[in-house]
N, C-alpha and C. Protein backbone atom coordinates (compact mmCIF):
# COMPACT_ATOMS: atom_id res chain seq x y z
N MET A 1 74.44 79.08 117.91
CA MET A 1 75.43 80.07 117.53
C MET A 1 75.28 81.34 118.37
N ARG A 2 75.20 81.19 119.62
CA ARG A 2 75.04 82.34 120.50
C ARG A 2 76.29 83.22 120.48
N GLY A 3 76.11 84.51 120.20
CA GLY A 3 77.22 85.44 120.20
C GLY A 3 78.09 85.38 118.96
N GLU A 4 77.67 84.65 117.94
CA GLU A 4 78.45 84.53 116.72
C GLU A 4 77.65 85.02 115.53
N PHE A 5 78.33 85.42 114.48
CA PHE A 5 77.68 85.78 113.23
C PHE A 5 78.60 85.39 112.09
N GLU A 6 78.04 85.26 110.91
CA GLU A 6 78.86 84.94 109.74
C GLU A 6 79.23 86.19 108.96
N THR A 7 78.31 87.14 108.86
CA THR A 7 78.56 88.38 108.14
C THR A 7 78.17 89.52 109.06
N GLY A 8 79.08 90.49 109.21
CA GLY A 8 78.73 91.62 110.06
C GLY A 8 79.90 92.52 110.35
N LEU A 9 79.63 93.52 111.17
CA LEU A 9 80.61 94.54 111.53
C LEU A 9 80.84 94.50 113.03
N THR A 10 82.11 94.52 113.40
CA THR A 10 82.50 94.63 114.80
C THR A 10 83.22 95.96 114.96
N VAL A 11 82.89 96.70 116.02
CA VAL A 11 83.54 97.98 116.29
C VAL A 11 84.11 97.92 117.71
N ASN A 12 85.39 98.23 117.82
CA ASN A 12 86.06 98.32 119.12
C ASN A 12 86.68 99.70 119.24
N VAL A 13 86.57 100.31 120.42
CA VAL A 13 87.18 101.62 120.67
C VAL A 13 87.95 101.51 121.97
N VAL A 14 89.23 101.90 121.91
CA VAL A 14 90.07 101.89 123.11
C VAL A 14 90.91 103.16 123.11
N HIS A 15 91.33 103.56 124.29
CA HIS A 15 92.28 104.66 124.39
C HIS A 15 93.66 104.04 124.62
N ALA A 16 94.64 104.54 123.90
CA ALA A 16 96.00 104.02 123.99
C ALA A 16 96.98 105.18 124.12
N ASP A 17 98.14 104.90 124.68
CA ASP A 17 99.14 105.96 124.83
C ASP A 17 99.52 106.55 123.48
N ASP A 18 99.67 105.72 122.48
CA ASP A 18 99.97 106.18 121.13
C ASP A 18 99.08 105.40 120.17
N ALA A 19 97.90 105.91 119.94
CA ALA A 19 96.90 105.20 119.14
C ALA A 19 97.38 104.92 117.73
N GLN A 20 98.15 105.83 117.14
CA GLN A 20 98.65 105.62 115.77
C GLN A 20 99.57 104.41 115.71
N LYS A 21 100.51 104.30 116.65
CA LYS A 21 101.41 103.14 116.68
C LYS A 21 100.63 101.86 116.95
N LYS A 22 99.64 101.94 117.82
CA LYS A 22 98.82 100.76 118.15
C LYS A 22 98.03 100.31 116.92
N ALA A 23 97.54 101.26 116.12
CA ALA A 23 96.80 100.93 114.90
C ALA A 23 97.70 100.18 113.92
N ILE A 24 98.91 100.69 113.73
CA ILE A 24 99.86 100.06 112.82
C ILE A 24 100.24 98.67 113.33
N ALA A 25 100.49 98.55 114.62
CA ALA A 25 100.88 97.26 115.20
C ALA A 25 99.75 96.23 115.10
N THR A 26 98.51 96.68 115.29
CA THR A 26 97.37 95.77 115.19
C THR A 26 97.23 95.20 113.79
N LEU A 27 97.35 96.05 112.78
CA LEU A 27 97.24 95.57 111.40
C LEU A 27 98.43 94.69 111.03
N ALA A 28 99.61 95.02 111.52
CA ALA A 28 100.79 94.19 111.26
C ALA A 28 100.61 92.80 111.86
N MET A 29 100.07 92.74 113.09
CA MET A 29 99.83 91.45 113.73
C MET A 29 98.85 90.62 112.91
N LEU A 30 97.77 91.26 112.44
CA LEU A 30 96.79 90.53 111.61
C LEU A 30 97.43 90.02 110.32
N ALA A 31 98.27 90.85 109.72
CA ALA A 31 98.92 90.47 108.46
C ALA A 31 99.86 89.29 108.65
N GLN A 32 100.45 89.17 109.83
CA GLN A 32 101.43 88.11 110.09
C GLN A 32 100.82 86.86 110.71
N THR A 33 99.53 86.89 111.00
CA THR A 33 98.88 85.73 111.60
C THR A 33 98.82 84.59 110.58
N PRO A 34 99.26 83.39 110.96
CA PRO A 34 99.20 82.26 110.03
C PRO A 34 97.78 82.05 109.50
N GLY A 35 97.69 81.84 108.19
CA GLY A 35 96.39 81.65 107.55
C GLY A 35 95.79 82.93 107.01
N ASN A 36 96.37 84.08 107.36
CA ASN A 36 95.87 85.37 106.87
C ASN A 36 96.70 85.82 105.67
N GLU A 37 96.02 86.19 104.59
CA GLU A 37 96.68 86.70 103.39
C GLU A 37 96.15 88.10 103.12
N VAL A 38 97.04 89.09 103.16
CA VAL A 38 96.64 90.47 102.87
C VAL A 38 96.43 90.60 101.37
N GLN A 39 95.23 91.03 100.98
CA GLN A 39 94.89 91.18 99.57
C GLN A 39 94.95 92.63 99.11
N ASP A 40 94.83 93.56 100.04
CA ASP A 40 94.84 94.98 99.69
C ASP A 40 95.15 95.76 100.97
N ALA A 41 95.76 96.94 100.81
CA ALA A 41 96.04 97.81 101.95
C ALA A 41 96.00 99.26 101.48
N TRP A 42 95.58 100.16 102.36
CA TRP A 42 95.47 101.56 102.00
C TRP A 42 95.54 102.43 103.25
N GLU A 43 95.71 103.72 103.04
CA GLU A 43 95.73 104.70 104.13
C GLU A 43 94.57 105.67 103.94
N THR A 44 94.13 106.26 105.05
CA THR A 44 93.04 107.24 105.02
C THR A 44 93.34 108.33 106.05
N LYS A 45 92.90 109.56 105.77
CA LYS A 45 93.10 110.66 106.72
C LYS A 45 91.96 111.66 106.57
N THR A 46 91.39 112.02 107.71
CA THR A 46 90.37 113.06 107.76
C THR A 46 90.61 113.85 109.04
N GLY A 47 91.16 115.02 108.92
CA GLY A 47 91.42 115.85 110.10
C GLY A 47 92.37 115.15 111.05
N VAL A 48 91.95 114.97 112.31
CA VAL A 48 92.78 114.31 113.32
C VAL A 48 92.66 112.79 113.27
N LEU A 49 91.83 112.27 112.37
CA LEU A 49 91.64 110.82 112.25
C LEU A 49 92.53 110.27 111.14
N ASN A 50 93.53 109.49 111.55
CA ASN A 50 94.48 108.89 110.61
C ASN A 50 94.30 107.38 110.68
N GLY A 51 94.15 106.75 109.52
CA GLY A 51 93.91 105.33 109.55
C GLY A 51 94.56 104.56 108.43
N ARG A 52 94.49 103.27 108.60
CA ARG A 52 94.93 102.32 107.60
C ARG A 52 93.87 101.24 107.51
N GLY A 53 93.81 100.65 106.35
CA GLY A 53 92.87 99.56 106.15
C GLY A 53 93.53 98.42 105.42
N VAL A 54 93.03 97.23 105.67
CA VAL A 54 93.50 96.04 104.95
C VAL A 54 92.31 95.14 104.64
N ARG A 55 92.42 94.44 103.53
CA ARG A 55 91.48 93.35 103.23
C ARG A 55 92.28 92.07 103.36
N ILE A 56 91.78 91.16 104.14
CA ILE A 56 92.48 89.92 104.46
C ILE A 56 91.60 88.72 104.10
N ARG A 57 92.21 87.73 103.51
CA ARG A 57 91.57 86.43 103.29
C ARG A 57 92.12 85.51 104.37
N LYS A 58 91.21 84.99 105.20
CA LYS A 58 91.59 84.17 106.34
C LYS A 58 91.19 82.73 106.10
N THR A 59 92.15 81.82 106.23
CA THR A 59 91.85 80.40 106.10
C THR A 59 92.27 79.68 107.37
N GLU A 60 91.39 78.78 107.81
CA GLU A 60 91.66 77.94 108.97
C GLU A 60 91.26 76.53 108.62
N LYS A 61 92.04 75.58 109.05
CA LYS A 61 91.74 74.18 108.78
C LYS A 61 90.35 73.83 109.33
N GLY A 62 89.53 73.24 108.47
CA GLY A 62 88.19 72.83 108.88
C GLY A 62 87.13 73.90 108.74
N SER A 63 87.50 75.08 108.26
CA SER A 63 86.54 76.18 108.08
C SER A 63 86.62 76.72 106.66
N ASP A 64 85.51 77.26 106.19
CA ASP A 64 85.51 77.92 104.89
C ASP A 64 86.28 79.23 105.00
N PRO A 65 86.93 79.66 103.90
CA PRO A 65 87.66 80.92 103.94
C PRO A 65 86.75 82.10 104.29
N LEU A 66 87.34 83.06 104.95
CA LEU A 66 86.64 84.26 105.41
C LEU A 66 87.37 85.47 104.82
N VAL A 67 86.64 86.50 104.46
CA VAL A 67 87.25 87.75 104.01
C VAL A 67 86.89 88.82 105.03
N MET A 68 87.91 89.61 105.39
CA MET A 68 87.73 90.68 106.37
C MET A 68 88.30 91.98 105.82
N VAL A 69 87.60 93.07 106.05
CA VAL A 69 88.16 94.40 105.85
C VAL A 69 88.31 94.98 107.24
N VAL A 70 89.53 95.34 107.57
CA VAL A 70 89.83 95.87 108.90
C VAL A 70 90.33 97.30 108.75
N LEU A 71 89.67 98.22 109.45
CA LEU A 71 90.09 99.61 109.50
C LEU A 71 90.59 99.90 110.91
N ALA A 72 91.79 100.45 110.99
CA ALA A 72 92.36 100.87 112.27
C ALA A 72 92.58 102.37 112.16
N ILE A 73 91.79 103.12 112.92
CA ILE A 73 91.80 104.58 112.81
C ILE A 73 92.17 105.18 114.16
N ALA A 74 93.18 106.05 114.14
CA ALA A 74 93.66 106.69 115.36
C ALA A 74 93.26 108.15 115.38
N ASN A 75 92.79 108.60 116.53
CA ASN A 75 92.49 110.01 116.74
C ASN A 75 93.72 110.62 117.41
N SER A 76 94.47 111.44 116.67
CA SER A 76 95.71 112.00 117.20
C SER A 76 95.49 113.02 118.32
N LYS A 77 94.28 113.54 118.43
CA LYS A 77 93.98 114.53 119.47
C LYS A 77 93.62 113.85 120.80
N THR A 78 92.90 112.74 120.75
CA THR A 78 92.40 112.10 121.98
C THR A 78 93.05 110.74 122.26
N ASN A 79 93.88 110.25 121.33
CA ASN A 79 94.49 108.93 121.42
C ASN A 79 93.47 107.80 121.51
N ALA A 80 92.34 107.98 120.87
CA ALA A 80 91.36 106.89 120.75
C ALA A 80 91.74 106.08 119.52
N LEU A 81 91.61 104.77 119.63
CA LEU A 81 91.84 103.86 118.51
C LEU A 81 90.52 103.18 118.19
N TYR A 82 90.10 103.31 116.95
CA TYR A 82 88.87 102.68 116.47
C TYR A 82 89.26 101.52 115.57
N LEU A 83 88.77 100.33 115.88
CA LEU A 83 88.96 99.16 115.03
C LEU A 83 87.61 98.73 114.50
N LEU A 84 87.48 98.77 113.19
CA LEU A 84 86.25 98.34 112.53
C LEU A 84 86.59 97.12 111.69
N ILE A 85 85.84 96.04 111.89
CA ILE A 85 86.10 94.80 111.17
C ILE A 85 84.81 94.33 110.53
N PHE A 86 84.78 94.36 109.20
CA PHE A 86 83.64 93.81 108.46
C PHE A 86 84.10 92.48 107.89
N GLU A 87 83.31 91.43 108.14
CA GLU A 87 83.71 90.11 107.68
C GLU A 87 82.53 89.32 107.14
N SER A 88 82.87 88.40 106.25
CA SER A 88 81.87 87.52 105.66
C SER A 88 82.58 86.31 105.06
N PRO A 89 81.90 85.16 105.00
CA PRO A 89 82.49 84.02 104.31
C PRO A 89 82.82 84.40 102.86
N GLU A 90 83.93 83.89 102.37
CA GLU A 90 84.37 84.23 101.02
C GLU A 90 83.30 83.89 99.98
N ALA A 91 82.57 82.81 100.18
CA ALA A 91 81.55 82.39 99.21
C ALA A 91 80.45 83.44 99.06
N ARG A 92 80.24 84.28 100.08
CA ARG A 92 79.19 85.31 100.03
C ARG A 92 79.75 86.72 100.05
N TRP A 93 81.07 86.84 99.90
CA TRP A 93 81.72 88.13 100.04
C TRP A 93 81.19 89.18 99.06
N LYS A 94 81.07 88.86 97.80
CA LYS A 94 80.69 89.86 96.81
C LYS A 94 79.37 90.52 97.18
N LYS A 95 78.38 89.74 97.53
CA LYS A 95 77.06 90.29 97.90
C LYS A 95 77.14 91.03 99.24
N ALA A 96 77.85 90.45 100.20
CA ALA A 96 77.96 91.08 101.52
C ALA A 96 78.70 92.41 101.42
N TRP A 97 79.72 92.49 100.56
CA TRP A 97 80.52 93.70 100.46
C TRP A 97 79.73 94.85 99.84
N GLU A 98 78.66 94.56 99.11
CA GLU A 98 77.81 95.64 98.60
C GLU A 98 77.31 96.50 99.76
N LYS A 99 76.96 95.88 100.87
CA LYS A 99 76.52 96.63 102.06
C LYS A 99 77.71 97.04 102.91
N GLY A 100 78.66 96.14 103.05
CA GLY A 100 79.82 96.41 103.90
C GLY A 100 80.63 97.61 103.42
N GLU A 101 80.75 97.75 102.12
CA GLU A 101 81.50 98.88 101.58
C GLU A 101 80.82 100.20 101.95
N ARG A 102 79.52 100.23 101.85
CA ARG A 102 78.77 101.45 102.24
C ARG A 102 78.96 101.74 103.73
N ILE A 103 78.87 100.70 104.53
CA ILE A 103 79.03 100.87 105.98
C ILE A 103 80.41 101.43 106.30
N THR A 104 81.45 100.84 105.73
CA THR A 104 82.81 101.25 106.09
C THR A 104 83.21 102.58 105.48
N LYS A 105 82.53 103.01 104.42
CA LYS A 105 82.87 104.30 103.81
C LYS A 105 82.03 105.46 104.35
N LEU A 106 80.83 105.16 104.86
CA LEU A 106 79.92 106.23 105.26
C LEU A 106 79.80 106.42 106.77
N PHE A 107 80.50 105.61 107.57
CA PHE A 107 80.39 105.77 109.02
C PHE A 107 81.01 107.10 109.42
N VAL A 108 80.59 107.62 110.56
CA VAL A 108 81.08 108.91 111.06
C VAL A 108 81.61 108.70 112.48
N LEU A 109 82.79 109.24 112.73
CA LEU A 109 83.38 109.17 114.07
C LEU A 109 83.44 110.57 114.65
N ASP A 110 83.21 110.68 115.95
CA ASP A 110 83.30 111.94 116.65
C ASP A 110 84.77 112.21 116.98
N ASP A 111 85.37 113.22 116.38
CA ASP A 111 86.79 113.45 116.61
C ASP A 111 87.08 114.07 117.98
N GLU A 112 86.06 114.28 118.79
CA GLU A 112 86.24 114.78 120.15
C GLU A 112 86.37 113.64 121.15
N TYR A 113 86.09 112.39 120.73
CA TYR A 113 86.17 111.26 121.65
C TYR A 113 87.53 110.63 121.62
């Protein structure tokens, strides 16, 4: 399983011409992907950091269901887009989310980047 994990956090940072629109488009694409079921959605705002989050249940033929919390946060000052994805197999989600929730709620982003 080189380069793979079952439970963990992935962080991607990119600069985009309009990070806010890119954040919305990214979450919309995930919501419309076959096998993905949006279970919850919310918005967040802290200063120049505007974001949205979704919890998705992902099913694929031949694989156990996966639960993902995806945060797409745009920095309106620098046009940086932060994508944070915490995922775990559904069978272990409750225990994994005890740590994942802390990670996704307590992380700090530099609003100058």
